[in-house]
Amino acid sequence: MVELVTRNFWWPGVTKEMKQYVEGCNACQHNKNRTEQPAGKLIPNSISEKPWTHILADFITKLPLAQGYDSILVVVDWLTKIVHFIPTTEKMLAEVLARLFRDNVWKLHGLPESII
């Protein structure tokens, strides 16, 4: 933009003033040219054929203490969208996490014991 202005006009500090103008102009900020390459084509995720083959697990932490628990383990099946909310504590060991998953999700849905 500075180049376009300086083709026909010039005064001391033109570059500095142009920069201040563009930074303060709402339309200029919204219509900036993108410097990165455009994203490629989106490829959808594959769809599971059986429930509980693809899951999502996450924690909700920093909750007020209730009955000795301060966190929630959230487990979601991608195919059926079944969600399990399992109360737990923030300072839990990996062994306890595996046991919670086995007892509250795995056995509840009758998944094969041979995989555990």
PDB file of N, CA and C in Angstrom:
ATOM      1  N   MET A   1       0.822  -1.183   0.000  1.00  0.00           N
ATOM      2  CA  MET A   1       0.000   0.000   0.000  1.00  0.00           C
ATOM      3  C   MET A   1       0.867   1.248   0.000  1.00  0.00           C
ATOM      4  N   VAL A   2       1.995   1.191   0.723  1.00  0.00           N
ATOM      5  CA  VAL A   2       2.901   2.327   0.754  1.00  0.00           C
ATOM      6  C   VAL A   2       3.427   2.605  -0.648  1.00  0.00           C
ATOM      7  N   GLU A   3       3.708   1.543  -1.379  1.00  0.00           N
ATOM      8  CA  GLU A   3       4.220   1.696  -2.745  1.00  0.00           C
ATOM      9  C   GLU A   3       3.220   2.440  -3.626  1.00  0.00           C
ATOM     10  N   LEU A   4       1.950   2.146  -3.490  1.00  0.00           N
ATOM     11  CA  LEU A   4       0.934   2.827  -4.292  1.00  0.00           C
ATOM     12  C   LEU A   4       0.870   4.315  -3.978  1.00  0.00           C
ATOM     13  N   VAL A   5       0.981   4.677  -2.716  1.00  0.00           N
ATOM     14  CA  VAL A   5       0.926   6.087  -2.317  1.00  0.00           C
ATOM     15  C   VAL A   5       2.185   6.820  -2.764  1.00  0.00           C
ATOM     16  N   THR A   6       3.356   6.177  -2.569  1.00  0.00           N
ATOM     17  CA  THR A   6       4.614   6.860  -2.890  1.00  0.00           C
ATOM     18  C   THR A   6       4.867   6.972  -4.384  1.00  0.00           C
ATOM     19  N   ARG A   7       4.084   6.337  -5.222  1.00  0.00           N
ATOM     20  CA  ARG A   7       4.199   6.538  -6.678  1.00  0.00           C
ATOM     21  C   ARG A   7       3.849   7.976  -7.051  1.00  0.00           C
ATOM     22  N   ASN A   8       2.863   8.529  -6.374  1.00  0.00           N
ATOM     23  CA  ASN A   8       2.383   9.861  -6.730  1.00  0.00           C
ATOM     24  C   ASN A   8       2.645  10.916  -5.664  1.00  0.00           C
ATOM     25  N   PHE A   9       2.879  10.509  -4.417  1.00  0.00           N
ATOM     26  CA  PHE A   9       3.057  11.469  -3.335  1.00  0.00           C
ATOM     27  C   PHE A   9       4.274  11.102  -2.507  1.00  0.00           C
ATOM     28  N   TRP A  10       4.852  12.115  -1.884  1.00  0.00           N
ATOM     29  CA  TRP A  10       5.937  11.868  -0.948  1.00  0.00           C
ATOM     30  C   TRP A  10       6.014  13.028   0.020  1.00  0.00           C
ATOM     31  N   TRP A  11       6.262  12.722   1.283  1.00  0.00           N
ATOM     32  CA  TRP A  11       6.543  13.721   2.312  1.00  0.00           C
ATOM     33  C   TRP A  11       7.374  13.048   3.385  1.00  0.00           C
ATOM     34  N   PRO A  12       8.072  13.826   4.203  1.00  0.00           N
ATOM     35  CA  PRO A  12       8.902  13.203   5.238  1.00  0.00           C
ATOM     36  C   PRO A  12       8.032  12.363   6.194  1.00  0.00           C
ATOM     37  N   GLY A  13       8.430  11.124   6.412  1.00  0.00           N
ATOM     38  CA  GLY A  13       7.713  10.231   7.325  1.00  0.00           C
ATOM     39  C   GLY A  13       6.501   9.566   6.700  1.00  0.00           C
ATOM     40  N   VAL A  14       6.419   9.488   5.358  1.00  0.00           N
ATOM     41  CA  VAL A  14       5.256   8.892   4.697  1.00  0.00           C
ATOM     42  C   VAL A  14       5.088   7.422   5.093  1.00  0.00           C
ATOM     43  N   THR A  15       6.192   6.687   5.172  1.00  0.00           N
ATOM     44  CA  THR A  15       6.102   5.262   5.507  1.00  0.00           C
ATOM     45  C   THR A  15       5.563   5.068   6.917  1.00  0.00           C
ATOM     46  N   LYS A  16       6.059   5.856   7.856  1.00  0.00           N
ATOM     47  CA  LYS A  16       5.612   5.745   9.249  1.00  0.00           C
ATOM     48  C   LYS A  16       4.125   6.091   9.368  1.00  0.00           C
ATOM     49  N   GLU A  17       3.698   7.151   8.705  1.00  0.00           N
ATOM     50  CA  GLU A  17       2.292   7.555   8.767  1.00  0.00           C
ATOM     51  C   GLU A  17       1.376   6.520   8.119  1.00  0.00           C
ATOM     52  N   MET A  18       1.829   5.950   7.013  1.00  0.00           N
ATOM     53  CA  MET A  18       1.018   4.914   6.344  1.00  0.00           C
ATOM     54  C   MET A  18       0.867   3.688   7.245  1.00  0.00           C
ATOM     55  N   LYS A  19       1.956   3.301   7.912  1.00  0.00           N
ATOM     56  CA  LYS A  19       1.903   2.147   8.813  1.00  0.00           C
ATOM     57  C   LYS A  19       0.921   2.404   9.952  1.00  0.00           C
ATOM     58  N   GLN A  20       0.968   3.602  10.555  1.00  0.00           N
ATOM     59  CA  GLN A  20       0.043   3.940  11.638  1.00  0.00           C
ATOM     60  C   GLN A  20      -1.403   3.938  11.152  1.00  0.00           C
ATOM     61  N   TYR A  21      -1.620   4.450   9.936  1.00  0.00           N
ATOM     62  CA  TYR A  21      -2.976   4.496   9.388  1.00  0.00           C
ATOM     63  C   TYR A  21      -3.535   3.085   9.186  1.00  0.00           C
ATOM     64  N   VAL A  22      -2.726   2.217   8.582  1.00  0.00           N
ATOM     65  CA  VAL A  22      -3.180   0.854   8.300  1.00  0.00           C
ATOM     66  C   VAL A  22      -3.431   0.091   9.596  1.00  0.00           C
ATOM     67  N   GLU A  23      -2.571   0.260  10.600  1.00  0.00           N
ATOM     68  CA  GLU A  23      -2.768  -0.426  11.880  1.00  0.00           C
ATOM     69  C   GLU A  23      -4.025   0.049  12.603  1.00  0.00           C
ATOM     70  N   GLY A  24      -4.427   1.288  12.389  1.00  0.00           N
ATOM     71  CA  GLY A  24      -5.608   1.828  13.051  1.00  0.00           C
ATOM     72  C   GLY A  24      -6.889   1.665  12.261  1.00  0.00           C
ATOM     73  N   CYS A  25      -6.787   1.214  11.023  1.00  0.00           N
ATOM     74  CA  CYS A  25      -7.960   1.087  10.149  1.00  0.00           C
ATOM     75  C   CYS A  25      -8.569  -0.310  10.292  1.00  0.00           C
ATOM     76  N   ASN A  26      -9.801  -0.386  10.744  1.00  0.00           N
ATOM     77  CA  ASN A  26     -10.475  -1.666  10.950  1.00  0.00           C
ATOM     78  C   ASN A  26     -10.622  -2.432   9.636  1.00  0.00           C
ATOM     79  N   ALA A  27     -11.021  -1.753   8.569  1.00  0.00           N
ATOM     80  CA  ALA A  27     -11.192  -2.415   7.261  1.00  0.00           C
ATOM     81  C   ALA A  27      -9.859  -2.954   6.752  1.00  0.00           C
ATOM     82  N   CYS A  28      -8.768  -2.205   6.957  1.00  0.00           N
ATOM     83  CA  CYS A  28      -7.452  -2.666   6.513  1.00  0.00           C
ATOM     84  C   CYS A  28      -7.034  -3.944   7.256  1.00  0.00           C
ATOM     85  N   GLN A  29      -7.339  -4.008   8.532  1.00  0.00           N
ATOM     86  CA  GLN A  29      -6.961  -5.174   9.318  1.00  0.00           C
ATOM     87  C   GLN A  29      -7.753  -6.414   8.909  1.00  0.00           C
ATOM     88  N   HIS A  30      -9.012  -6.250   8.522  1.00  0.00           N
ATOM     89  CA  HIS A  30      -9.836  -7.389   8.129  1.00  0.00           C
ATOM     90  C   HIS A  30      -9.564  -7.857   6.709  1.00  0.00           C
ATOM     91  N   ASN A  31      -9.005  -7.009   5.879  1.00  0.00           N
ATOM     92  CA  ASN A  31      -8.792  -7.351   4.469  1.00  0.00           C
ATOM     93  C   ASN A  31      -7.326  -7.545   4.127  1.00  0.00           C
ATOM     94  N   LYS A  32      -6.526  -7.968   5.085  1.00  0.00           N
ATOM     95  CA  LYS A  32      -5.107  -8.203   4.836  1.00  0.00           C
ATOM     96  C   LYS A  32      -4.928  -9.402   3.909  1.00  0.00           C
ATOM     97  N   ASN A  33      -3.855  -9.364   3.121  1.00  0.00           N
ATOM     98  CA  ASN A  33      -3.501 -10.520   2.315  1.00  0.00           C
ATOM     99  C   ASN A  33      -2.946 -11.612   3.210  1.00  0.00           C
ATOM    100  N   ARG A  34      -3.255 -12.844   2.914  1.00  0.00           N
ATOM    101  CA  ARG A  34      -2.760 -13.975   3.692  1.00  0.00           C
ATOM    102  C   ARG A  34      -1.353 -14.325   3.221  1.00  0.00           C
ATOM    103  N   THR A  35      -0.448 -14.561   4.157  1.00  0.00           N
ATOM    104  CA  THR A  35       0.926 -14.901   3.802  1.00  0.00           C
ATOM    105  C   THR A  35       1.156 -16.408   3.742  1.00  0.00           C
ATOM    106  N   GLU A  36       0.264 -17.196   4.334  1.00  0.00           N
ATOM    107  CA  GLU A  36       0.456 -18.639   4.328  1.00  0.00           C
ATOM    108  C   GLU A  36      -0.286 -19.271   3.143  1.00  0.00           C
ATOM    109  N   GLN A  37       0.131 -20.464   2.819  1.00  0.00           N
ATOM    110  CA  GLN A  37      -0.505 -21.204   1.733  1.00  0.00           C
ATOM    111  C   GLN A  37      -1.932 -21.562   2.133  1.00  0.00           C
ATOM    112  N   PRO A  38      -2.872 -21.599   1.189  1.00  0.00           N
ATOM    113  CA  PRO A  38      -4.226 -22.032   1.540  1.00  0.00           C
ATOM    114  C   PRO A  38      -4.218 -23.504   1.952  1.00  0.00           C
ATOM    115  N   ALA A  39      -5.129 -23.847   2.834  1.00  0.00           N
ATOM    116  CA  ALA A  39      -5.220 -25.222   3.316  1.00  0.00           C
ATOM    117  C   ALA A  39      -5.601 -26.152   2.162  1.00  0.00           C
ATOM    118  N   GLY A  40      -5.137 -27.383   2.245  1.00  0.00           N
ATOM    119  CA  GLY A  40      -5.467 -28.366   1.213  1.00  0.00           C
ATOM    120  C   GLY A  40      -6.900 -28.845   1.359  1.00  0.00           C
ATOM    121  N   LYS A  41      -7.252 -29.809   0.541  1.00  0.00           N
ATOM    122  CA  LYS A  41      -8.608 -30.347   0.590  1.00  0.00           C
ATOM    123  C   LYS A  41      -8.824 -31.084   1.909  1.00  0.00           C
ATOM    124  N   LEU A  42     -10.011 -30.927   2.457  1.00  0.00           N
ATOM    125  CA  LEU A  42     -10.346 -31.618   3.689  1.00  0.00           C
ATOM    126  C   LEU A  42     -10.671 -33.069   3.395  1.00  0.00           C
ATOM    127  N   ILE A  43     -10.137 -33.943   4.207  1.00  0.00           N
ATOM    128  CA  ILE A  43     -10.384 -35.369   4.053  1.00  0.00           C
ATOM    129  C   ILE A  43     -11.144 -35.825   5.297  1.00  0.00           C
ATOM    130  N   PRO A  44     -12.360 -36.341   5.130  1.00  0.00           N
ATOM    131  CA  PRO A  44     -13.133 -36.744   6.313  1.00  0.00           C
ATOM    132  C   PRO A  44     -12.498 -37.948   7.008  1.00  0.00           C
ATOM    133  N   ASN A  45     -12.712 -38.020   8.301  1.00  0.00           N
ATOM    134  CA  ASN A  45     -12.236 -39.166   9.074  1.00  0.00           C
ATOM    135  C   ASN A  45     -12.988 -40.414   8.642  1.00  0.00           C
ATOM    136  N   SER A  46     -12.319 -41.553   8.762  1.00  0.00           N
ATOM    137  CA  SER A  46     -12.998 -42.800   8.437  1.00  0.00           C
ATOM    138  C   SER A  46     -14.066 -43.092   9.489  1.00  0.00           C
ATOM    139  N   ILE A  47     -15.134 -43.715   9.070  1.00  0.00           N
ATOM    140  CA  ILE A  47     -16.244 -44.023   9.968  1.00  0.00           C
ATOM    141  C   ILE A  47     -16.043 -45.422  10.535  1.00  0.00           C
ATOM    142  N   SER A  48     -16.154 -45.529  11.842  1.00  0.00           N
ATOM    143  CA  SER A  48     -15.999 -46.823  12.500  1.00  0.00           C
ATOM    144  C   SER A  48     -17.117 -47.761  12.058  1.00  0.00           C
ATOM    145  N   GLU A  49     -16.785 -49.031  11.967  1.00  0.00           N
ATOM    146  CA  GLU A  49     -17.796 -50.017  11.618  1.00  0.00           C
ATOM    147  C   GLU A  49     -18.406 -50.675  12.851  1.00  0.00           C
ATOM    148  N   LYS A  50     -17.668 -50.670  13.955  1.00  0.00           N
ATOM    149  CA  LYS A  50     -18.149 -51.258  15.198  1.00  0.00           C
ATOM    150  C   LYS A  50     -18.014 -50.228  16.308  1.00  0.00           C
ATOM    151  N   PRO A  51     -18.949 -50.246  17.253  1.00  0.00           N
ATOM    152  CA  PRO A  51     -18.817 -49.315  18.379  1.00  0.00           C
ATOM    153  C   PRO A  51     -17.604 -49.640  19.241  1.00  0.00           C
ATOM    154  N   TRP A  52     -17.068 -48.634  19.866  1.00  0.00           N
ATOM    155  CA  TRP A  52     -15.969 -48.697  20.811  1.00  0.00           C
ATOM    156  C   TRP A  52     -14.645 -49.117  20.177  1.00  0.00           C
ATOM    157  N   THR A  53     -14.494 -48.933  18.858  1.00  0.00           N
ATOM    158  CA  THR A  53     -13.188 -49.146  18.235  1.00  0.00           C
ATOM    159  C   THR A  53     -12.417 -47.828  18.177  1.00  0.00           C
ATOM    160  N   HIS A  54     -13.136 -46.703  18.127  1.00  0.00           N
ATOM    161  CA  HIS A  54     -12.519 -45.375  18.158  1.00  0.00           C
ATOM    162  C   HIS A  54     -13.186 -44.581  19.286  1.00  0.00           C
ATOM    163  N   ILE A  55     -12.383 -44.159  20.243  1.00  0.00           N
ATOM    164  CA  ILE A  55     -12.940 -43.427  21.387  1.00  0.00           C
ATOM    165  C   ILE A  55     -12.174 -42.131  21.596  1.00  0.00           C
ATOM    166  N   LEU A  56     -12.789 -41.262  22.356  1.00  0.00           N
ATOM    167  CA  LEU A  56     -12.170 -40.019  22.788  1.00  0.00           C
ATOM    168  C   LEU A  56     -12.225 -40.011  24.307  1.00  0.00           C
ATOM    169  N   ALA A  57     -11.129 -39.633  24.942  1.00  0.00           N
ATOM    170  CA  ALA A  57     -11.108 -39.543  26.409  1.00  0.00           C
ATOM    171  C   ALA A  57     -10.483 -38.218  26.801  1.00  0.00           C
ATOM    172  N   ASP A  58     -11.064 -37.569  27.786  1.00  0.00           N
ATOM    173  CA  ASP A  58     -10.551 -36.285  28.260  1.00  0.00           C
ATOM    174  C   ASP A  58     -10.930 -36.111  29.723  1.00  0.00           C
ATOM    175  N   PHE A  59     -10.300 -35.158  30.381  1.00  0.00           N
ATOM    176  CA  PHE A  59     -10.581 -34.879  31.777  1.00  0.00           C
ATOM    177  C   PHE A  59     -11.176 -33.487  31.927  1.00  0.00           C
ATOM    178  N   ILE A  60     -12.116 -33.353  32.840  1.00  0.00           N
ATOM    179  CA  ILE A  60     -12.582 -32.052  33.314  1.00  0.00           C
ATOM    180  C   ILE A  60     -11.995 -31.934  34.712  1.00  0.00           C
ATOM    181  N   THR A  61     -11.125 -30.949  34.905  1.00  0.00           N
ATOM    182  CA  THR A  61     -10.400 -30.841  36.175  1.00  0.00           C
ATOM    183  C   THR A  61     -10.701 -29.523  36.882  1.00  0.00           C
ATOM    184  N   LYS A  62     -10.091 -29.390  38.049  1.00  0.00           N
ATOM    185  CA  LYS A  62     -10.214 -28.186  38.882  1.00  0.00           C
ATOM    186  C   LYS A  62     -11.659 -27.919  39.309  1.00  0.00           C
ATOM    187  N   LEU A  63     -12.404 -28.982  39.566  1.00  0.00           N
ATOM    188  CA  LEU A  63     -13.779 -28.846  40.049  1.00  0.00           C
ATOM    189  C   LEU A  63     -13.773 -28.773  41.573  1.00  0.00           C
ATOM    190  N   PRO A  64     -14.817 -28.207  42.169  1.00  0.00           N
ATOM    191  CA  PRO A  64     -14.905 -28.216  43.632  1.00  0.00           C
ATOM    192  C   PRO A  64     -15.004 -29.659  44.134  1.00  0.00           C
ATOM    193  N   LEU A  65     -14.426 -29.920  45.267  1.00  0.00           N
ATOM    194  CA  LEU A  65     -14.423 -31.259  45.847  1.00  0.00           C
ATOM    195  C   LEU A  65     -15.851 -31.698  46.180  1.00  0.00           C
ATOM    196  N   ALA A  66     -16.244 -32.856  45.686  1.00  0.00           N
ATOM    197  CA  ALA A  66     -17.574 -33.406  45.958  1.00  0.00           C
ATOM    198  C   ALA A  66     -17.434 -34.908  46.176  1.00  0.00           C
ATOM    199  N   GLN A  67     -17.752 -35.373  47.372  1.00  0.00           N
ATOM    200  CA  GLN A  67     -17.668 -36.780  47.747  1.00  0.00           C
ATOM    201  C   GLN A  67     -16.271 -37.349  47.486  1.00  0.00           C
ATOM    202  N   GLY A  68     -15.241 -36.520  47.671  1.00  0.00           N
ATOM    203  CA  GLY A  68     -13.864 -36.962  47.496  1.00  0.00           C
ATOM    204  C   GLY A  68     -13.335 -36.879  46.074  1.00  0.00           C
ATOM    205  N   TYR A  69     -14.121 -36.418  45.130  1.00  0.00           N
ATOM    206  CA  TYR A  69     -13.708 -36.315  43.735  1.00  0.00           C
ATOM    207  C   TYR A  69     -13.567 -34.854  43.333  1.00  0.00           C
ATOM    208  N   ASP A  70     -12.555 -34.560  42.495  1.00  0.00           N
ATOM    209  CA  ASP A  70     -12.378 -33.197  42.005  1.00  0.00           C
ATOM    210  C   ASP A  70     -12.226 -33.129  40.487  1.00  0.00           C
ATOM    211  N   SER A  71     -12.407 -34.258  39.798  1.00  0.00           N
ATOM    212  CA  SER A  71     -12.275 -34.307  38.342  1.00  0.00           C
ATOM    213  C   SER A  71     -13.280 -35.297  37.764  1.00  0.00           C
ATOM    214  N   ILE A  72     -13.482 -35.198  36.457  1.00  0.00           N
ATOM    215  CA  ILE A  72     -14.365 -36.123  35.756  1.00  0.00           C
ATOM    216  C   ILE A  72     -13.627 -36.647  34.530  1.00  0.00           C
ATOM    217  N   LEU A  73     -13.590 -37.947  34.369  1.00  0.00           N
ATOM    218  CA  LEU A  73     -13.061 -38.580  33.162  1.00  0.00           C
ATOM    219  C   LEU A  73     -14.226 -38.725  32.193  1.00  0.00           C
ATOM    220  N   VAL A  74     -14.071 -38.184  30.989  1.00  0.00           N
ATOM    221  CA  VAL A  74     -15.116 -38.246  29.974  1.00  0.00           C
ATOM    222  C   VAL A  74     -14.633 -39.180  28.876  1.00  0.00           C
ATOM    223  N   VAL A  75     -15.413 -40.219  28.571  1.00  0.00           N
ATOM    224  CA  VAL A  75     -15.080 -41.174  27.518  1.00  0.00           C
ATOM    225  C   VAL A  75     -16.242 -41.192  26.525  1.00  0.00           C
ATOM    226  N   VAL A  76     -15.939 -40.984  25.229  1.00  0.00           N
ATOM    227  CA  VAL A  76     -16.969 -40.901  24.191  1.00  0.00           C
ATOM    228  C   VAL A  76     -16.657 -41.902  23.087  1.00  0.00           C
ATOM    229  N   ASP A  77     -17.666 -42.630  22.645  1.00  0.00           N
ATOM    230  CA  ASP A  77     -17.535 -43.499  21.484  1.00  0.00           C
ATOM    231  C   ASP A  77     -17.866 -42.677  20.243  1.00  0.00           C
ATOM    232  N   TRP A  78     -16.968 -42.677  19.253  1.00  0.00           N
ATOM    233  CA  TRP A  78     -17.177 -41.856  18.054  1.00  0.00           C
ATOM    234  C   TRP A  78     -18.387 -42.296  17.253  1.00  0.00           C
ATOM    235  N   LEU A  79     -18.639 -43.583  17.174  1.00  0.00           N
ATOM    236  CA  LEU A  79     -19.720 -44.074  16.315  1.00  0.00           C
ATOM    237  C   LEU A  79     -21.092 -43.834  16.927  1.00  0.00           C
ATOM    238  N   THR A  80     -21.290 -44.268  18.147  1.00  0.00           N
ATOM    239  CA  THR A  80     -22.620 -44.191  18.760  1.00  0.00           C
ATOM    240  C   THR A  80     -22.839 -42.906  19.548  1.00  0.00           C
ATOM    241  N   LYS A  81     -21.762 -42.166  19.812  1.00  0.00           N
ATOM    242  CA  LYS A  81     -21.815 -40.927  20.606  1.00  0.00           C
ATOM    243  C   LYS A  81     -22.254 -41.187  22.053  1.00  0.00           C
ATOM    244  N   ILE A  82     -22.076 -42.416  22.520  1.00  0.00           N
ATOM    245  CA  ILE A  82     -22.355 -42.732  23.922  1.00  0.00           C
ATOM    246  C   ILE A  82     -21.249 -42.104  24.768  1.00  0.00           C
ATOM    247  N   VAL A  83     -21.638 -41.451  25.844  1.00  0.00           N
ATOM    248  CA  VAL A  83     -20.683 -40.749  26.705  1.00  0.00           C
ATOM    249  C   VAL A  83     -20.741 -41.328  28.112  1.00  0.00           C
ATOM    250  N   HIS A  84     -19.582 -41.520  28.706  1.00  0.00           N
ATOM    251  CA  HIS A  84     -19.483 -41.935  30.097  1.00  0.00           C
ATOM    252  C   HIS A  84     -18.770 -40.836  30.875  1.00  0.00           C
ATOM    253  N   PHE A  85     -19.360 -40.413  31.984  1.00  0.00           N
ATOM    254  CA  PHE A  85     -18.762 -39.442  32.884  1.00  0.00           C
ATOM    255  C   PHE A  85     -18.378 -40.186  34.154  1.00  0.00           C
ATOM    256  N   ILE A  86     -17.092 -40.287  34.413  1.00  0.00           N
ATOM    257  CA  ILE A  86     -16.603 -41.085  35.529  1.00  0.00           C
ATOM    258  C   ILE A  86     -15.922 -40.161  36.543  1.00  0.00           C
ATOM    259  N   PRO A  87     -16.447 -40.076  37.773  1.00  0.00           N
ATOM    260  CA  PRO A  87     -15.807 -39.209  38.770  1.00  0.00           C
ATOM    261  C   PRO A  87     -14.450 -39.773  39.182  1.00  0.00           C
ATOM    262  N   THR A  88     -13.481 -38.882  39.364  1.00  0.00           N
ATOM    263  CA  THR A  88     -12.133 -39.293  39.734  1.00  0.00           C
ATOM    264  C   THR A  88     -11.423 -38.133  40.425  1.00  0.00           C
ATOM    265  N   THR A  89     -10.157 -38.337  40.732  1.00  0.00           N
ATOM    266  CA  THR A  89      -9.356 -37.269  41.329  1.00  0.00           C
ATOM    267  C   THR A  89      -8.282 -36.831  40.337  1.00  0.00           C
ATOM    268  N   GLU A  90      -7.806 -35.616  40.530  1.00  0.00           N
ATOM    269  CA  GLU A  90      -6.805 -35.072  39.614  1.00  0.00           C
ATOM    270  C   GLU A  90      -5.459 -35.784  39.758  1.00  0.00           C
ATOM    271  N   LYS A  91      -5.137 -36.236  40.962  1.00  0.00           N
ATOM    272  CA  LYS A  91      -3.850 -36.896  41.214  1.00  0.00           C
ATOM    273  C   LYS A  91      -4.021 -38.404  41.146  1.00  0.00           C
ATOM    274  N   MET A  92      -4.379 -38.901  39.963  1.00  0.00           N
ATOM    275  CA  MET A  92      -4.664 -40.309  39.769  1.00  0.00           C
ATOM    276  C   MET A  92      -3.502 -40.954  39.015  1.00  0.00           C
ATOM    277  N   LEU A  93      -3.145 -42.149  39.370  1.00  0.00           N
ATOM    278  CA  LEU A  93      -2.093 -42.888  38.686  1.00  0.00           C
ATOM    279  C   LEU A  93      -2.639 -43.531  37.412  1.00  0.00           C
ATOM    280  N   ALA A  94      -1.755 -43.848  36.479  1.00  0.00           N
ATOM    281  CA  ALA A  94      -2.156 -44.468  35.220  1.00  0.00           C
ATOM    282  C   ALA A  94      -2.846 -45.810  35.450  1.00  0.00           C
ATOM    283  N   GLU A  95      -2.393 -46.552  36.451  1.00  0.00           N
ATOM    284  CA  GLU A  95      -3.003 -47.847  36.765  1.00  0.00           C
ATOM    285  C   GLU A  95      -4.461 -47.667  37.191  1.00  0.00           C
ATOM    286  N   VAL A  96      -4.719 -46.634  37.976  1.00  0.00           N
ATOM    287  CA  VAL A  96      -6.085 -46.355  38.423  1.00  0.00           C
ATOM    288  C   VAL A  96      -6.945 -45.929  37.235  1.00  0.00           C
ATOM    289  N   LEU A  97      -6.375 -45.141  36.327  1.00  0.00           N
ATOM    290  CA  LEU A  97      -7.100 -44.725  35.123  1.00  0.00           C
ATOM    291  C   LEU A  97      -7.498 -45.938  34.287  1.00  0.00           C
ATOM    292  N   ALA A  98      -6.580 -46.874  34.102  1.00  0.00           N
ATOM    293  CA  ALA A  98      -6.873 -48.085  33.337  1.00  0.00           C
ATOM    294  C   ALA A  98      -7.970 -48.902  34.012  1.00  0.00           C
ATOM    295  N   ARG A  99      -7.915 -48.991  35.320  1.00  0.00           N
ATOM    296  CA  ARG A  99      -8.937 -49.730  36.062  1.00  0.00           C
ATOM    297  C   ARG A  99     -10.307 -49.057  35.933  1.00  0.00           C
ATOM    298  N   LEU A 100     -10.335 -47.712  36.026  1.00  0.00           N
ATOM    299  CA  LEU A 100     -11.599 -46.977  35.861  1.00  0.00           C
ATOM    300  C   LEU A 100     -12.194 -47.231  34.479  1.00  0.00           C
ATOM    301  N   PHE A 101     -11.348 -47.183  33.464  1.00  0.00           N
ATOM    302  CA  PHE A 101     -11.829 -47.420  32.098  1.00  0.00           C
ATOM    303  C   PHE A 101     -12.359 -48.852  31.957  1.00  0.00           C
ATOM    304  N   ARG A 102     -11.616 -49.801  32.496  1.00  0.00           N
ATOM    305  CA  ARG A 102     -12.039 -51.205  32.398  1.00  0.00           C
ATOM    306  C   ARG A 102     -13.378 -51.433  33.104  1.00  0.00           C
ATOM    307  N   ASP A 103     -13.515 -50.905  34.313  1.00  0.00           N
ATOM    308  CA  ASP A 103     -14.707 -51.172  35.109  1.00  0.00           C
ATOM    309  C   ASP A 103     -15.930 -50.369  34.664  1.00  0.00           C
ATOM    310  N   ASN A 104     -15.734 -49.159  34.150  1.00  0.00           N
ATOM    311  CA  ASN A 104     -16.863 -48.286  33.827  1.00  0.00           C
ATOM    312  C   ASN A 104     -17.223 -48.231  32.356  1.00  0.00           C
ATOM    313  N   VAL A 105     -16.357 -48.672  31.494  1.00  0.00           N
ATOM    314  CA  VAL A 105     -16.648 -48.620  30.051  1.00  0.00           C
ATOM    315  C   VAL A 105     -16.536 -50.013  29.441  1.00  0.00           C
ATOM    316  N   TRP A 106     -15.367 -50.612  29.599  1.00  0.00           N
ATOM    317  CA  TRP A 106     -15.074 -51.870  28.907  1.00  0.00           C
ATOM    318  C   TRP A 106     -16.060 -52.974  29.293  1.00  0.00           C
ATOM    319  N   LYS A 107     -16.179 -53.253  30.581  1.00  0.00           N
ATOM    320  CA  LYS A 107     -17.053 -54.335  31.045  1.00  0.00           C
ATOM    321  C   LYS A 107     -18.525 -53.997  30.844  1.00  0.00           C
ATOM    322  N   LEU A 108     -18.880 -52.725  30.962  1.00  0.00           N
ATOM    323  CA  LEU A 108     -20.266 -52.295  30.822  1.00  0.00           C
ATOM    324  C   LEU A 108     -20.814 -52.582  29.429  1.00  0.00           C
ATOM    325  N   HIS A 109     -19.963 -52.496  28.415  1.00  0.00           N
ATOM    326  CA  HIS A 109     -20.405 -52.715  27.035  1.00  0.00           C
ATOM    327  C   HIS A 109     -20.083 -54.114  26.534  1.00  0.00           C
ATOM    328  N   GLY A 110     -19.621 -54.978  27.411  1.00  0.00           N
ATOM    329  CA  GLY A 110     -19.375 -56.372  27.054  1.00  0.00           C
ATOM    330  C   GLY A 110     -18.270 -56.546  26.029  1.00  0.00           C
ATOM    331  N   LEU A 111     -17.248 -55.704  26.091  1.00  0.00           N
ATOM    332  CA  LEU A 111     -16.150 -55.819  25.145  1.00  0.00           C
ATOM    333  C   LEU A 111     -15.269 -56.990  25.553  1.00  0.00           C
ATOM    334  N   PRO A 112     -14.586 -57.635  24.599  1.00  0.00           N
ATOM    335  CA  PRO A 112     -13.830 -58.855  24.899  1.00  0.00           C
ATOM    336  C   PRO A 112     -12.706 -58.620  25.905  1.00  0.00           C
ATOM    337  N   GLU A 113     -12.589 -59.533  26.862  1.00  0.00           N
ATOM    338  CA  GLU A 113     -11.585 -59.441  27.914  1.00  0.00           C
ATOM    339  C   GLU A 113     -10.178 -59.704  27.371  1.00  0.00           C
ATOM    340  N   SER A 114     -10.065 -60.406  26.231  1.00  0.00           N
ATOM    341  CA  SER A 114      -8.749 -60.787  25.709  1.00  0.00           C
ATOM    342  C   SER A 114      -7.918 -59.578  25.292  1.00  0.00           C
ATOM    343  N   ILE A 115      -8.553 -58.440  25.022  1.00  0.00           N
ATOM    344  CA  ILE A 115      -7.822 -57.252  24.574  1.00  0.00           C
ATOM    345  C   ILE A 115      -7.245 -56.486  25.762  1.00  0.00           C
ATOM    346  N   ILE A 116      -7.826 -56.616  26.926  1.00  0.00           N
ATOM    347  CA  ILE A 116      -7.399 -55.830  28.088  1.00  0.00           C
ATOM    348  C   ILE A 116      -5.994 -56.173  28.469  1.00  0.00           C
TER     349      ILE A 116
END
